[in-house]
N, C-alpha and C. Protein backbone atom coordinates (compact mmCIF):
# COMPACT_ATOMS: atom_id res chain seq x y z
N MET A 1 0.85 -1.16 0.00
CA MET A 1 0.00 0.00 0.00
C MET A 1 0.90 1.24 0.00
N THR A 2 0.47 2.30 -0.72
CA THR A 2 1.27 3.51 -0.82
C THR A 2 1.07 4.39 0.42
N LYS A 3 1.90 5.44 0.51
CA LYS A 3 1.76 6.38 1.62
C LYS A 3 0.37 7.02 1.62
N PHE A 4 -0.12 7.35 0.43
CA PHE A 4 -1.44 7.96 0.31
C PHE A 4 -2.52 6.99 0.80
N GLY A 5 -2.39 5.74 0.48
CA GLY A 5 -3.37 4.74 0.90
C GLY A 5 -3.41 4.60 2.41
N TRP A 6 -2.23 4.60 3.06
CA TRP A 6 -2.17 4.50 4.52
C TRP A 6 -2.76 5.73 5.18
N ALA A 7 -2.48 6.90 4.59
CA ALA A 7 -3.03 8.14 5.15
C ALA A 7 -4.55 8.16 5.03
N MET A 8 -5.07 7.70 3.91
CA MET A 8 -6.52 7.65 3.71
C MET A 8 -7.15 6.68 4.69
N LEU A 9 -6.54 5.54 4.88
CA LEU A 9 -7.05 4.54 5.81
C LEU A 9 -7.05 5.09 7.25
N ALA A 10 -6.00 5.82 7.62
CA ALA A 10 -5.92 6.40 8.95
C ALA A 10 -7.01 7.45 9.16
N CYS A 11 -7.29 8.28 8.14
CA CYS A 11 -8.35 9.29 8.24
C CYS A 11 -9.72 8.65 8.38
N ILE A 12 -9.99 7.64 7.59
CA ILE A 12 -11.29 6.96 7.65
C ILE A 12 -11.47 6.30 9.01
N THR A 13 -10.42 5.67 9.52
CA THR A 13 -10.48 5.02 10.83
C THR A 13 -10.75 6.06 11.92
N ALA A 14 -10.07 7.20 11.86
CA ALA A 14 -10.28 8.26 12.85
C ALA A 14 -11.72 8.78 12.82
N ILE A 15 -12.28 8.95 11.64
CA ILE A 15 -13.66 9.42 11.51
C ILE A 15 -14.63 8.39 12.09
N VAL A 16 -14.42 7.13 11.79
CA VAL A 16 -15.29 6.07 12.31
C VAL A 16 -15.23 6.05 13.83
N PHE A 17 -14.03 6.14 14.42
CA PHE A 17 -13.90 6.14 15.87
C PHE A 17 -14.56 7.38 16.49
N ALA A 18 -14.45 8.53 15.84
CA ALA A 18 -15.07 9.74 16.35
C ALA A 18 -16.59 9.61 16.37
N VAL A 19 -17.16 9.08 15.29
CA VAL A 19 -18.61 8.89 15.23
C VAL A 19 -19.05 7.90 16.29
N LEU A 20 -18.34 6.80 16.43
CA LEU A 20 -18.70 5.82 17.45
C LEU A 20 -18.59 6.41 18.85
N PHE A 21 -17.59 7.25 19.09
CA PHE A 21 -17.44 7.89 20.39
C PHE A 21 -18.65 8.79 20.69
N PHE A 22 -19.06 9.62 19.69
CA PHE A 22 -20.21 10.51 19.89
C PHE A 22 -21.48 9.72 20.17
N VAL A 23 -21.69 8.63 19.46
CA VAL A 23 -22.88 7.82 19.68
C VAL A 23 -22.82 7.15 21.06
N TRP A 24 -21.66 6.63 21.42
CA TRP A 24 -21.49 5.92 22.68
C TRP A 24 -21.69 6.85 23.88
N THR A 25 -21.17 8.10 23.80
CA THR A 25 -21.27 9.02 24.93
C THR A 25 -22.58 9.80 24.94
N GLY A 26 -23.34 9.75 23.88
CA GLY A 26 -24.61 10.46 23.82
C GLY A 26 -24.47 11.93 23.46
N ILE A 27 -23.28 12.37 23.07
CA ILE A 27 -23.07 13.77 22.71
C ILE A 27 -23.89 14.14 21.49
N SER A 28 -24.08 13.21 20.59
CA SER A 28 -24.80 13.51 19.35
C SER A 28 -26.24 13.95 19.61
N GLU A 29 -26.81 13.54 20.76
CA GLU A 29 -28.19 13.95 21.08
C GLU A 29 -28.27 15.42 21.43
N HIS A 30 -27.16 16.04 21.80
CA HIS A 30 -27.16 17.42 22.21
C HIS A 30 -26.80 18.39 21.09
N LEU A 31 -26.45 17.88 19.93
CA LEU A 31 -26.11 18.74 18.81
C LEU A 31 -27.38 19.38 18.28
N VAL A 32 -27.31 20.65 17.95
CA VAL A 32 -28.48 21.38 17.46
C VAL A 32 -28.58 21.22 15.96
N SER A 33 -29.76 20.90 15.49
CA SER A 33 -29.95 20.80 14.05
C SER A 33 -30.78 21.99 13.59
N VAL A 34 -30.46 22.49 12.40
CA VAL A 34 -31.18 23.61 11.82
C VAL A 34 -32.10 23.06 10.75
N PRO A 35 -33.39 23.48 10.74
CA PRO A 35 -34.29 22.97 9.73
C PRO A 35 -33.81 23.33 8.33
N ALA A 36 -33.99 22.41 7.39
CA ALA A 36 -33.53 22.63 6.02
C ALA A 36 -34.36 23.69 5.32
N SER A 37 -35.60 23.87 5.72
CA SER A 37 -36.44 24.87 5.10
C SER A 37 -37.13 25.69 6.18
N SER A 38 -37.79 26.75 5.75
CA SER A 38 -38.48 27.60 6.71
C SER A 38 -39.92 27.17 6.92
N GLU A 39 -40.29 25.98 6.47
CA GLU A 39 -41.66 25.51 6.60
C GLU A 39 -42.06 25.32 8.05
N ASN A 40 -41.14 24.96 8.92
CA ASN A 40 -41.45 24.68 10.32
C ASN A 40 -41.38 25.91 11.21
N VAL A 41 -41.03 27.08 10.64
CA VAL A 41 -40.88 28.28 11.43
C VAL A 41 -42.23 28.98 11.51
N PRO A 42 -42.73 29.25 12.74
CA PRO A 42 -44.02 29.93 12.85
C PRO A 42 -43.96 31.33 12.26
N GLU A 43 -45.05 31.77 11.65
CA GLU A 43 -45.08 33.07 11.02
C GLU A 43 -45.39 34.18 12.01
N THR A 44 -45.99 33.87 13.14
CA THR A 44 -46.34 34.91 14.09
C THR A 44 -45.15 35.24 14.96
N VAL A 45 -45.06 36.50 15.34
CA VAL A 45 -44.00 36.94 16.23
C VAL A 45 -44.51 36.84 17.66
N VAL A 46 -43.76 36.15 18.49
CA VAL A 46 -44.15 35.96 19.88
C VAL A 46 -43.22 36.76 20.76
N THR A 47 -43.78 37.43 21.74
CA THR A 47 -42.95 38.13 22.70
C THR A 47 -43.13 37.46 24.05
N SER A 48 -42.18 37.67 24.94
CA SER A 48 -42.25 37.00 26.24
C SER A 48 -43.47 37.47 27.03
N GLY A 49 -44.02 38.65 26.70
CA GLY A 49 -45.22 39.11 27.36
C GLY A 49 -46.45 38.31 26.97
N ASP A 50 -46.34 37.53 25.88
CA ASP A 50 -47.46 36.72 25.40
C ASP A 50 -47.43 35.31 25.96
N ASN A 51 -46.60 35.04 26.97
CA ASN A 51 -46.42 33.70 27.55
C ASN A 51 -46.10 32.66 26.48
N PRO A 52 -44.93 32.74 25.86
CA PRO A 52 -44.60 31.79 24.80
C PRO A 52 -44.43 30.38 25.36
N THR A 53 -44.70 29.42 24.51
CA THR A 53 -44.47 28.04 24.88
C THR A 53 -43.02 27.69 24.57
N PRO A 54 -42.47 26.67 25.21
CA PRO A 54 -41.08 26.31 24.92
C PRO A 54 -40.90 26.03 23.43
N GLY A 55 -39.82 26.57 22.88
CA GLY A 55 -39.50 26.35 21.48
C GLY A 55 -40.05 27.42 20.56
N SER A 56 -40.85 28.35 21.07
CA SER A 56 -41.39 29.40 20.20
C SER A 56 -40.37 30.53 20.11
N PRO A 57 -40.41 31.30 19.00
CA PRO A 57 -39.45 32.41 18.86
C PRO A 57 -39.81 33.55 19.79
N VAL A 58 -38.82 34.12 20.45
CA VAL A 58 -39.04 35.24 21.35
C VAL A 58 -38.16 36.38 20.86
N HIS A 59 -38.78 37.51 20.54
CA HIS A 59 -38.04 38.62 19.94
C HIS A 59 -37.85 39.80 20.88
N ASP A 60 -38.17 39.65 22.15
CA ASP A 60 -37.94 40.76 23.06
C ASP A 60 -37.10 40.34 24.25
N LEU A 61 -36.08 39.54 23.97
CA LEU A 61 -35.16 39.13 25.02
C LEU A 61 -34.42 40.37 25.54
N PRO A 62 -33.91 40.32 26.76
CA PRO A 62 -33.19 41.48 27.29
C PRO A 62 -32.01 41.87 26.41
N VAL A 63 -31.86 43.17 26.21
CA VAL A 63 -30.75 43.70 25.41
C VAL A 63 -30.06 44.77 26.24
N PRO A 64 -28.82 45.10 25.91
CA PRO A 64 -28.13 46.17 26.64
C PRO A 64 -28.90 47.48 26.51
N PRO A 65 -28.79 48.36 27.51
CA PRO A 65 -29.50 49.64 27.46
C PRO A 65 -29.23 50.44 26.19
N ALA A 66 -28.02 50.38 25.65
CA ALA A 66 -27.70 51.13 24.44
C ALA A 66 -28.49 50.61 23.25
N VAL A 67 -28.67 49.30 23.16
CA VAL A 67 -29.44 48.70 22.06
C VAL A 67 -30.91 49.08 22.21
N ASP A 68 -31.40 49.06 23.44
CA ASP A 68 -32.78 49.46 23.70
C ASP A 68 -32.99 50.94 23.36
N ALA A 69 -31.97 51.77 23.60
CA ALA A 69 -32.06 53.19 23.25
C ALA A 69 -32.18 53.37 21.74
N ALA A 70 -31.47 52.53 20.97
CA ALA A 70 -31.57 52.60 19.51
C ALA A 70 -32.98 52.22 19.07
N ARG A 71 -33.53 51.17 19.67
CA ARG A 71 -34.90 50.74 19.32
C ARG A 71 -35.90 51.84 19.68
N SER A 72 -35.73 52.47 20.83
CA SER A 72 -36.63 53.56 21.24
C SER A 72 -36.52 54.75 20.29
N ALA A 73 -35.31 55.06 19.84
CA ALA A 73 -35.11 56.16 18.90
C ALA A 73 -35.83 55.89 17.58
N LEU A 74 -35.74 54.64 17.11
CA LEU A 74 -36.44 54.28 15.87
C LEU A 74 -37.95 54.34 16.07
N ALA A 75 -38.43 53.88 17.22
CA ALA A 75 -39.87 53.93 17.49
C ALA A 75 -40.36 55.38 17.49
N THR A 76 -39.59 56.27 18.08
CA THR A 76 -39.95 57.69 18.08
C THR A 76 -39.98 58.24 16.67
N ARG A 77 -38.96 57.90 15.89
CA ARG A 77 -38.86 58.36 14.50
C ARG A 77 -40.05 57.89 13.67
N LEU A 78 -40.49 56.64 13.89
CA LEU A 78 -41.58 56.07 13.12
C LEU A 78 -42.95 56.34 13.73
N GLY A 79 -42.98 56.93 14.93
CA GLY A 79 -44.24 57.21 15.60
C GLY A 79 -44.93 55.95 16.12
N ILE A 80 -44.14 55.02 16.61
CA ILE A 80 -44.66 53.74 17.11
C ILE A 80 -44.75 53.81 18.63
N ALA A 81 -45.93 53.44 19.17
CA ALA A 81 -46.13 53.49 20.61
C ALA A 81 -45.41 52.38 21.35
N ASN A 82 -45.29 51.21 20.74
CA ASN A 82 -44.67 50.05 21.39
C ASN A 82 -43.33 49.73 20.72
N PRO A 83 -42.21 50.19 21.30
CA PRO A 83 -40.90 49.91 20.69
C PRO A 83 -40.60 48.42 20.53
N LYS A 84 -41.19 47.56 21.38
CA LYS A 84 -40.89 46.14 21.29
C LYS A 84 -41.50 45.49 20.05
N SER A 85 -42.29 46.24 19.29
CA SER A 85 -42.79 45.71 18.03
C SER A 85 -41.73 45.80 16.93
N ILE A 86 -40.61 46.46 17.25
CA ILE A 86 -39.49 46.56 16.32
C ILE A 86 -38.55 45.39 16.59
N LEU A 87 -38.25 44.63 15.57
CA LEU A 87 -37.42 43.44 15.68
C LEU A 87 -35.94 43.82 15.58
N ILE A 88 -35.15 43.44 16.56
CA ILE A 88 -33.70 43.66 16.53
C ILE A 88 -33.08 42.47 15.81
N LEU A 89 -32.49 42.74 14.65
CA LEU A 89 -31.86 41.67 13.87
C LEU A 89 -30.46 41.37 14.38
N THR A 90 -29.64 42.42 14.54
CA THR A 90 -28.28 42.25 15.06
C THR A 90 -27.92 43.43 15.94
N ALA A 91 -27.05 43.19 16.87
CA ALA A 91 -26.50 44.24 17.73
C ALA A 91 -25.06 43.88 18.02
N PHE A 92 -24.16 44.44 17.22
CA PHE A 92 -22.74 44.12 17.35
C PHE A 92 -22.01 45.25 18.07
N GLU A 93 -21.11 44.88 18.98
CA GLU A 93 -20.26 45.87 19.62
C GLU A 93 -19.29 46.41 18.57
N LYS A 94 -19.13 47.73 18.56
CA LYS A 94 -18.25 48.39 17.58
C LYS A 94 -17.48 49.50 18.27
N ASP A 95 -16.35 49.83 17.71
CA ASP A 95 -15.57 50.99 18.13
C ASP A 95 -15.68 52.01 17.01
N TRP A 96 -16.22 53.21 17.34
CA TRP A 96 -16.40 54.27 16.36
C TRP A 96 -15.20 55.21 16.42
N PRO A 97 -14.86 55.88 15.30
CA PRO A 97 -13.64 56.69 15.24
C PRO A 97 -13.71 58.00 16.01
N ASP A 98 -14.93 58.42 16.41
CA ASP A 98 -15.05 59.70 17.12
C ASP A 98 -16.31 59.71 17.97
N SER A 99 -16.53 60.81 18.69
CA SER A 99 -17.69 60.90 19.57
C SER A 99 -19.00 61.07 18.81
N CYS A 100 -18.92 61.31 17.51
CA CYS A 100 -20.11 61.41 16.66
C CYS A 100 -20.43 60.05 16.02
N LEU A 101 -19.77 59.02 16.47
CA LEU A 101 -19.98 57.65 16.01
C LEU A 101 -19.73 57.49 14.52
N GLY A 102 -18.84 58.33 13.98
CA GLY A 102 -18.51 58.26 12.56
C GLY A 102 -19.58 58.87 11.67
N LEU A 103 -20.57 59.55 12.26
CA LEU A 103 -21.65 60.17 11.51
C LEU A 103 -21.82 61.64 11.93
N PRO A 104 -20.82 62.48 11.66
CA PRO A 104 -20.93 63.87 12.09
C PRO A 104 -21.99 64.62 11.29
N LYS A 105 -22.70 65.53 11.97
CA LYS A 105 -23.66 66.40 11.30
C LYS A 105 -22.90 67.61 10.77
N GLU A 106 -23.47 68.30 9.81
CA GLU A 106 -22.80 69.44 9.21
C GLU A 106 -22.49 70.50 10.27
N GLY A 107 -21.23 70.91 10.33
CA GLY A 107 -20.80 71.93 11.27
C GLY A 107 -20.57 71.43 12.69
N GLU A 108 -20.76 70.15 12.92
CA GLU A 108 -20.59 69.60 14.27
C GLU A 108 -19.13 69.28 14.53
N ILE A 109 -18.69 69.56 15.74
CA ILE A 109 -17.32 69.23 16.15
C ILE A 109 -17.39 67.95 16.99
N CYS A 110 -16.58 66.98 16.59
CA CYS A 110 -16.59 65.68 17.26
C CYS A 110 -15.24 65.43 17.91
N ALA A 111 -15.26 64.94 19.14
CA ALA A 111 -14.00 64.58 19.80
C ALA A 111 -13.38 63.41 19.06
N GLN A 112 -12.11 63.54 18.73
CA GLN A 112 -11.40 62.50 17.99
C GLN A 112 -10.86 61.45 18.95
N ALA A 113 -11.75 60.62 19.45
CA ALA A 113 -11.39 59.55 20.38
C ALA A 113 -12.21 58.32 20.03
N ILE A 114 -11.59 57.17 20.15
CA ILE A 114 -12.31 55.92 19.89
C ILE A 114 -13.48 55.84 20.87
N THR A 115 -14.68 55.63 20.34
CA THR A 115 -15.89 55.55 21.14
C THR A 115 -16.51 54.18 20.98
N SER A 116 -16.57 53.42 22.06
CA SER A 116 -17.16 52.09 22.02
C SER A 116 -18.68 52.21 22.01
N GLY A 117 -19.32 51.26 21.34
CA GLY A 117 -20.78 51.27 21.28
C GLY A 117 -21.30 50.07 20.52
N TYR A 118 -22.43 50.28 19.86
CA TYR A 118 -23.10 49.20 19.13
C TYR A 118 -23.54 49.66 17.76
N GLU A 119 -23.55 48.71 16.83
CA GLU A 119 -24.21 48.88 15.55
C GLU A 119 -25.44 47.99 15.61
N VAL A 120 -26.62 48.58 15.54
CA VAL A 120 -27.87 47.87 15.74
C VAL A 120 -28.66 47.89 14.43
N VAL A 121 -28.98 46.71 13.93
CA VAL A 121 -29.82 46.59 12.73
C VAL A 121 -31.18 46.09 13.18
N MET A 122 -32.21 46.86 12.82
CA MET A 122 -33.58 46.54 13.25
C MET A 122 -34.48 46.45 12.03
N GLN A 123 -35.65 45.83 12.24
CA GLN A 123 -36.60 45.67 11.15
C GLN A 123 -38.00 46.02 11.64
N LYS A 124 -38.72 46.75 10.81
CA LYS A 124 -40.12 47.06 11.08
C LYS A 124 -40.85 47.09 9.74
N ASP A 125 -41.92 46.32 9.65
CA ASP A 125 -42.74 46.24 8.43
C ASP A 125 -41.89 45.90 7.20
N GLY A 126 -40.96 44.98 7.34
CA GLY A 126 -40.14 44.52 6.23
C GLY A 126 -39.00 45.44 5.83
N ARG A 127 -38.86 46.56 6.50
CA ARG A 127 -37.79 47.50 6.17
C ARG A 127 -36.73 47.47 7.26
N GLU A 128 -35.45 47.52 6.86
CA GLU A 128 -34.34 47.48 7.81
C GLU A 128 -33.81 48.87 8.09
N TYR A 129 -33.42 49.08 9.35
CA TYR A 129 -32.86 50.35 9.81
C TYR A 129 -31.59 50.05 10.58
N THR A 130 -30.54 50.84 10.34
CA THR A 130 -29.27 50.67 11.05
C THR A 130 -29.00 51.90 11.90
N TYR A 131 -28.72 51.67 13.16
CA TYR A 131 -28.42 52.75 14.10
C TYR A 131 -27.07 52.48 14.76
N ARG A 132 -26.44 53.55 15.21
CA ARG A 132 -25.19 53.46 15.96
C ARG A 132 -25.41 54.09 17.32
N THR A 133 -24.77 53.51 18.33
CA THR A 133 -24.86 54.08 19.68
C THR A 133 -23.48 54.10 20.32
N ASN A 134 -23.36 54.86 21.41
CA ASN A 134 -22.18 54.73 22.24
C ASN A 134 -22.48 53.63 23.26
N ALA A 135 -21.57 53.34 24.15
CA ALA A 135 -21.69 52.18 25.05
C ALA A 135 -22.89 52.25 25.98
N ASP A 136 -23.26 53.45 26.45
CA ASP A 136 -24.37 53.54 27.40
C ASP A 136 -25.68 54.00 26.76
N GLY A 137 -25.67 54.27 25.47
CA GLY A 137 -26.89 54.64 24.77
C GLY A 137 -27.27 56.10 24.88
N THR A 138 -26.38 56.94 25.40
CA THR A 138 -26.70 58.36 25.50
C THR A 138 -26.54 59.08 24.16
N ILE A 139 -25.80 58.46 23.23
CA ILE A 139 -25.68 59.00 21.87
C ILE A 139 -26.20 57.93 20.93
N VAL A 140 -27.20 58.29 20.11
CA VAL A 140 -27.81 57.36 19.15
C VAL A 140 -27.92 58.10 17.83
N ARG A 141 -27.44 57.47 16.76
CA ARG A 141 -27.48 58.07 15.42
C ARG A 141 -27.97 57.06 14.42
N ALA A 142 -28.81 57.51 13.50
CA ALA A 142 -29.27 56.66 12.39
C ALA A 142 -28.27 56.78 11.26
N GLU A 143 -28.00 55.65 10.62
CA GLU A 143 -27.10 55.68 9.45
C GLU A 143 -27.85 56.21 8.26
């Protein structure tokens, strides 16, 4: 047998032993599977205030105050009474290049210091909105 043949045999043996180990220890039962299609995903949006059942989607989980400030700012902009009706898609921690979060207004003077905060992408009525905040949510800007 060639070197390639021995290497292939060793890889196959290692894979077989790994699979047998997962089955034997029961680890495979804890692996999360993602549905292949969206057919099993409920169409209604459930919030924790609606007493969701286990396994239902919950879109108002606790978020940092800065992210909540971004959602409140969007609700005010859109004239929405219930900010929790706005779906938060992503909220990533970001470092902005200045105190204006990289979005200075005309004639505005911004402190040139790295400002930590969040980039928050939200959705309402099928439309996406991106906001920037500082770490505590006292500065919120729409992109």
